[in-house]
Protein backbone atom coordinates (compact mmCIF):
# COMPACT_ATOMS: atom_id res chain seq x y z
CA MET A 1 15.27 -222.16 162.91
CA ASN A 2 16.47 -223.36 166.31
CA ILE A 3 16.49 -221.53 169.61
CA GLU A 4 20.18 -220.58 169.38
CA ASN A 5 19.68 -218.84 166.04
CA ILE A 6 16.73 -216.89 167.42
CA LYS A 7 18.81 -215.79 170.42
CA ASN A 8 21.66 -214.69 168.16
CA LEU A 9 19.32 -212.68 165.95
CA TRP A 10 17.76 -211.06 169.02
CA SER A 11 21.21 -210.13 170.36
CA GLU A 12 22.23 -208.60 167.03
CA GLU A 13 19.01 -206.57 166.87
CA LYS A 14 19.43 -205.40 170.45
CA VAL A 15 23.00 -204.24 169.80
CA SER A 16 21.93 -202.37 166.67
CA GLN A 17 19.21 -200.56 168.63
CA THR A 18 21.59 -199.40 171.38
CA PRO A 19 24.42 -197.57 169.57
CA GLU A 20 27.46 -196.47 171.50
CA ILE A 21 27.85 -192.80 172.40
CA SER A 22 31.00 -190.98 171.37
CA ILE A 23 33.44 -189.62 173.95
CA GLU A 24 32.64 -186.07 172.83
CA LYS A 25 28.90 -186.54 173.49
CA GLN A 26 29.64 -188.13 176.86
CA GLN A 27 31.69 -185.07 177.82
CA GLN A 28 28.79 -182.82 176.83
CA LEU A 29 26.54 -184.82 179.14
CA ARG A 30 29.02 -184.65 182.00
CA THR A 31 28.83 -180.85 182.26
CA PRO A 32 25.12 -180.58 183.25
CA LEU A 33 25.38 -183.80 185.28
CA GLU A 34 28.22 -182.39 187.37
CA LYS A 35 26.20 -179.23 187.97
CA ILE A 36 23.24 -181.31 189.15
CA ARG A 37 25.53 -183.32 191.40
CA ALA A 38 27.12 -180.18 192.88
CA ASN A 39 23.70 -178.64 193.55
CA MET A 40 22.52 -181.85 195.23
CA GLU A 41 25.52 -181.68 197.56
CA LYS A 42 24.84 -178.03 198.40
CA GLU A 43 21.20 -178.76 199.11
CA PHE A 44 22.12 -181.65 201.39
CA TRP A 45 24.25 -179.42 203.61
CA PHE A 46 21.60 -176.71 203.54
CA SER A 47 19.05 -179.27 204.76
CA VAL A 48 21.40 -180.39 207.54
CA PHE A 49 21.82 -176.76 208.62
CA THR A 50 18.04 -176.29 208.59
CA LEU A 51 17.51 -179.36 210.79
CA VAL A 52 20.06 -178.03 213.29
CA VAL A 53 18.29 -174.65 213.40
CA VAL A 54 14.90 -176.32 213.89
CA ALA A 55 16.37 -178.44 216.71
CA GLY A 56 17.32 -175.22 218.50
CA LEU A 57 13.62 -174.34 218.74
CA LEU A 58 13.24 -177.15 221.29
CA PHE A 59 14.65 -174.76 223.90
CA LEU A 60 11.76 -172.37 223.27
CA CYS A 61 9.13 -174.87 224.40
CA GLU A 62 7.41 -173.56 227.53
CA THR A 63 5.46 -176.64 228.58
CA SER A 64 6.05 -180.38 228.62
CA GLU A 65 3.11 -180.78 226.22
CA GLN A 66 4.77 -178.48 223.70
CA LEU A 67 8.09 -180.28 224.14
CA PHE A 68 6.48 -183.68 223.56
CA VAL A 69 4.60 -182.57 220.43
CA PHE A 70 7.58 -180.66 219.05
CA GLY A 71 9.94 -183.59 219.69
CA GLY A 72 7.57 -185.99 217.93
CA LEU A 73 7.24 -183.70 214.92
CA TYR A 74 11.00 -183.24 214.76
CA LEU A 75 11.52 -187.00 214.76
CA ILE A 76 9.01 -187.35 211.90
CA LEU A 77 10.82 -184.60 209.99
CA ILE A 78 14.17 -186.37 210.40
CA LEU A 79 12.71 -189.69 209.24
CA ILE A 80 11.11 -188.10 206.15
CA THR A 81 14.32 -186.23 205.31
CA ALA A 82 16.42 -189.36 205.76
CA TYR A 83 14.08 -191.39 203.55
CA TYR A 84 14.11 -188.93 200.65
CA PHE A 85 17.80 -188.11 200.84
CA ARG A 86 18.60 -191.80 200.78
CA LYS A 87 16.77 -191.92 197.43
CA PHE A 88 18.58 -188.80 196.23
CA TYR A 89 21.94 -190.24 197.27
CA SER A 90 21.39 -193.22 194.98
CA LEU A 91 21.13 -190.84 192.01
CA TYR A 92 24.03 -188.74 193.32
CA LYS A 93 26.27 -191.80 193.43
CA ARG A 94 25.03 -193.17 190.09
CA ILE A 95 25.84 -189.92 188.27
CA ASN A 96 29.48 -190.31 189.26
CA THR A 97 29.87 -194.05 188.67
CA GLN A 98 27.51 -195.08 185.87
CA SER A 99 28.79 -195.36 182.32
CA PHE A 100 26.86 -193.44 179.66
CA SER A 101 28.45 -195.10 176.65
CA THR A 102 25.19 -196.42 175.16
CA TYR A 103 21.89 -194.82 174.23
CA HIS A 104 20.04 -197.26 176.47
CA ASN A 105 22.01 -196.01 179.49
CA LEU A 106 21.11 -192.43 178.61
CA LEU A 107 17.41 -193.28 178.50
CA ASN A 108 17.74 -194.85 181.95
CA LEU A 109 19.53 -191.73 183.17
CA ARG A 110 16.76 -189.49 181.89
CA TYR A 111 14.15 -191.66 183.57
CA GLU A 112 16.06 -191.50 186.88
CA LEU A 113 16.34 -187.72 186.68
CA VAL A 114 12.61 -187.28 186.05
CA LEU A 115 11.74 -189.76 188.80
CA ASN A 116 13.94 -187.93 191.31
CA THR A 117 12.39 -184.63 190.28
CA GLU A 118 8.97 -185.97 191.24
CA LEU A 119 10.44 -187.28 194.51
CA TYR A 120 11.89 -183.83 195.10
CA LYS A 121 8.47 -182.23 194.68
CA SER A 122 6.80 -184.73 197.01
CA TYR A 123 9.54 -184.13 199.62
CA TYR A 124 8.76 -180.42 199.81
CA ILE A 125 5.01 -180.96 199.68
CA SER A 126 5.31 -183.29 202.67
CA SER A 127 7.05 -180.52 204.62
CA ILE A 128 4.01 -178.20 204.47
CA PRO A 129 1.80 -179.92 207.10
CA ILE A 130 4.83 -180.51 209.34
CA ALA A 131 5.77 -176.82 209.17
CA PHE A 132 2.30 -175.79 210.32
CA CYS A 133 2.26 -178.40 213.04
CA PHE A 134 5.51 -176.86 214.28
CA TYR A 135 3.90 -173.44 214.25
CA TRP A 136 0.87 -174.74 216.09
CA ALA A 137 3.02 -176.44 218.73
CA MET A 138 5.00 -173.25 219.38
CA SER A 139 1.96 -170.98 219.45
CA PRO A 140 1.04 -169.44 222.82
CA THR A 141 -2.59 -170.37 222.12
CA PHE A 142 -1.69 -174.00 221.42
CA LEU A 143 -4.81 -176.07 220.76
CA ASN A 144 -7.12 -173.63 222.56
CA GLY A 145 -9.74 -173.60 219.80
CA ASN A 146 -9.68 -169.80 219.51
CA ILE A 147 -11.58 -169.00 216.30
CA PRO A 148 -9.70 -165.80 215.32
CA HIS A 149 -6.44 -167.63 215.88
CA LEU A 150 -7.57 -170.55 213.73
CA MET A 151 -8.58 -168.17 210.95
CA LEU A 152 -5.19 -166.47 211.17
CA VAL A 153 -3.45 -169.84 210.94
CA ALA A 154 -5.54 -170.75 207.90
CA CYS A 155 -4.63 -167.44 206.27
CA CYS A 156 -0.93 -167.99 207.01
CA MET A 157 -1.16 -171.50 205.59
CA VAL A 158 -2.55 -170.22 202.29
CA VAL A 159 0.18 -167.57 202.07
CA PHE A 160 2.87 -170.09 202.98
CA VAL A 161 1.70 -172.61 200.38
CA ILE A 162 1.62 -169.96 197.64
CA ALA A 163 5.09 -168.74 198.61
CA LEU A 164 6.44 -172.29 198.73
CA TYR A 165 4.96 -173.05 195.31
CA ILE A 166 6.45 -169.97 193.63
CA ILE A 167 9.86 -170.19 195.31
CA GLY A 168 9.98 -173.98 194.89
CA LYS A 169 9.23 -173.70 191.18
CA MET A 170 12.00 -171.15 190.69
CA TRP A 171 14.39 -173.19 192.84
CA LEU A 172 13.68 -176.41 190.95
CA LYS A 173 14.22 -174.71 187.60
CA GLU A 174 17.48 -173.04 188.62
CA MET A 175 19.01 -175.96 190.51
CA TYR A 176 17.92 -178.94 188.41
CA GLY A 177 15.22 -178.31 185.81
CA LYS A 178 17.23 -176.45 183.18
CA TYR A 179 20.01 -179.04 183.35
CA ILE A 180 17.54 -181.91 182.95
CA VAL A 181 16.08 -180.20 179.87
CA GLU A 182 19.63 -179.74 178.52
CA ILE A 183 20.38 -183.44 179.06
CA SER A 184 17.06 -184.42 177.47
CA ASP A 185 17.87 -182.35 174.38
CA LEU A 186 21.26 -184.04 174.10
CA VAL A 187 19.68 -187.48 174.44
CA THR A 188 17.07 -186.67 171.79
CA SER A 189 19.74 -185.39 169.39
CA MET A 190 21.55 -188.75 169.58
CA SER A 191 18.61 -190.67 168.12
CA ASP A 192 17.04 -190.53 164.68
CA GLU A 193 13.60 -191.06 166.20
CA ASN A 194 11.57 -188.41 168.00
CA ASP A 195 10.46 -189.85 171.33
CA GLU A 196 8.30 -186.75 172.05
CA PHE A 197 9.75 -186.41 175.53
CA GLN A 198 8.50 -183.10 176.97
CA PHE A 199 9.53 -183.07 180.62
CA GLY A 200 8.41 -179.80 182.21
CA ARG A 201 9.24 -177.86 179.06
CA ASP A 202 6.38 -175.42 179.57
CA SER A 203 7.58 -174.42 183.04
CA LEU A 204 11.32 -175.07 182.91
CA ASN A 205 12.27 -173.41 179.63
CA SER A 206 14.14 -170.24 180.57
CA GLU A 207 13.37 -168.62 177.21
CA ILE A 208 9.64 -168.68 177.88
CA SER A 209 9.13 -168.43 181.64
CA TYR A 210 10.67 -166.13 184.27
CA VAL A 211 11.69 -163.46 181.77
CA TRP A 212 12.14 -160.76 184.39
CA TYR A 213 14.01 -163.12 186.69
CA THR A 214 16.40 -164.07 183.89
CA LEU A 215 16.97 -160.44 182.90
CA SER A 216 17.70 -159.32 186.46
CA ARG A 217 20.04 -162.28 186.98
CA GLY A 218 22.01 -161.30 183.87
CA TYR A 219 22.26 -157.72 185.14
CA PHE A 220 23.49 -158.70 188.61
CA GLU A 221 25.94 -161.28 187.26
CA LYS A 222 27.39 -158.63 184.95
CA LYS A 223 27.62 -156.19 187.85
CA PHE A 224 28.83 -158.46 190.67
CA GLY A 225 30.12 -161.61 188.95
CA LYS A 226 29.28 -164.98 190.53
CA ALA A 227 27.79 -163.27 193.59
CA GLY A 228 25.18 -161.69 191.31
CA LYS A 229 23.26 -164.96 191.04
CA ILE A 230 22.93 -165.15 194.84
CA ILE A 231 21.96 -161.48 195.08
CA ASN A 232 19.33 -161.94 192.39
CA GLY A 233 17.88 -164.99 194.15
CA ILE A 234 17.69 -163.18 197.51
CA LEU A 235 16.08 -160.16 195.84
CA TRP A 236 13.34 -162.19 194.14
CA VAL A 237 12.60 -164.29 197.22
CA SER A 238 12.34 -161.08 199.26
CA LEU A 239 9.99 -159.52 196.70
CA ILE A 240 7.76 -162.59 196.66
CA LEU A 241 7.62 -162.74 200.46
CA LEU A 242 6.94 -158.99 200.65
CA ALA A 243 4.07 -159.26 198.16
CA LEU A 244 2.61 -162.22 200.03
CA PHE A 245 3.04 -160.43 203.37
CA ILE A 246 1.11 -157.44 202.07
CA ALA A 247 -1.59 -159.75 200.72
CA SER A 248 -1.80 -161.66 204.01
CA PHE A 249 -1.94 -158.39 205.96
CA CYS A 250 -4.89 -157.25 203.88
CA VAL A 251 -6.64 -160.61 204.28
CA GLY A 252 -5.88 -160.62 208.01
CA PHE A 253 -7.30 -157.11 208.36
CA ILE A 254 -10.50 -158.19 206.62
CA ILE A 255 -10.74 -161.31 208.81
CA GLY A 256 -10.13 -159.27 211.96
CA PHE A 257 -12.79 -156.78 210.97
CA ALA A 258 -15.24 -159.61 210.22
CA VAL A 259 -14.53 -161.31 213.57
CA ALA A 260 -14.95 -158.02 215.46
CA TRP A 261 -18.22 -157.38 213.67
CA TRP A 262 -19.41 -160.94 214.42
CA GLU A 263 -18.55 -160.71 218.13
CA GLY A 264 -19.95 -157.21 218.41
């Protein structure tokens, strides 16, 4: 058997392993993909608005030291945002232009979606230390080494991280996670083999997690239509922040009492 015959056999096997996807299945994929794309666009403009609001805090700097530190942190924030959104834009553009006519292309799509989900998580994790550096720069007791103040900052950091984790998990599920699971199920149904792909199914499956959130969303959507989803989101974010505020107040009271006892 010569080399040409081997190449021909390889090509035939490769074609047989990558069957074409019907137009109907491609249309089913387009629906969740367009929702992901629309949500990416909304989040981009929300991030731009947030950067503009943060830039306005420059006028609140009272000293040149604060202005220098704040300006440096803001530049780092812009660079980080630009880096990640450049990655996200590649997926955003690919969703609209790439053909999904073969099973191989769908596997690549699923890989890209999962990869960008991990990038999305790392983007928000990277914002945590920057947010507290901003707070520290704007604090009246900036870098004064005051122990009660440092303990308060540490307490606020814990509360902020918990709030960001809970809200971020809900946000990821609502904006992207449930659509990625839907796409994954469609991809799996197009193959006779079970690839045992289980992306985030324990935390992104709406039938298992966030039961109360899902029930309240259904109620508000029935009552107020499309605006009900926004109202439900605002309500749950407010409840989470209120619960964390109460918890931080209690912790702060205990810390204040301990500091007063230590100094007394």
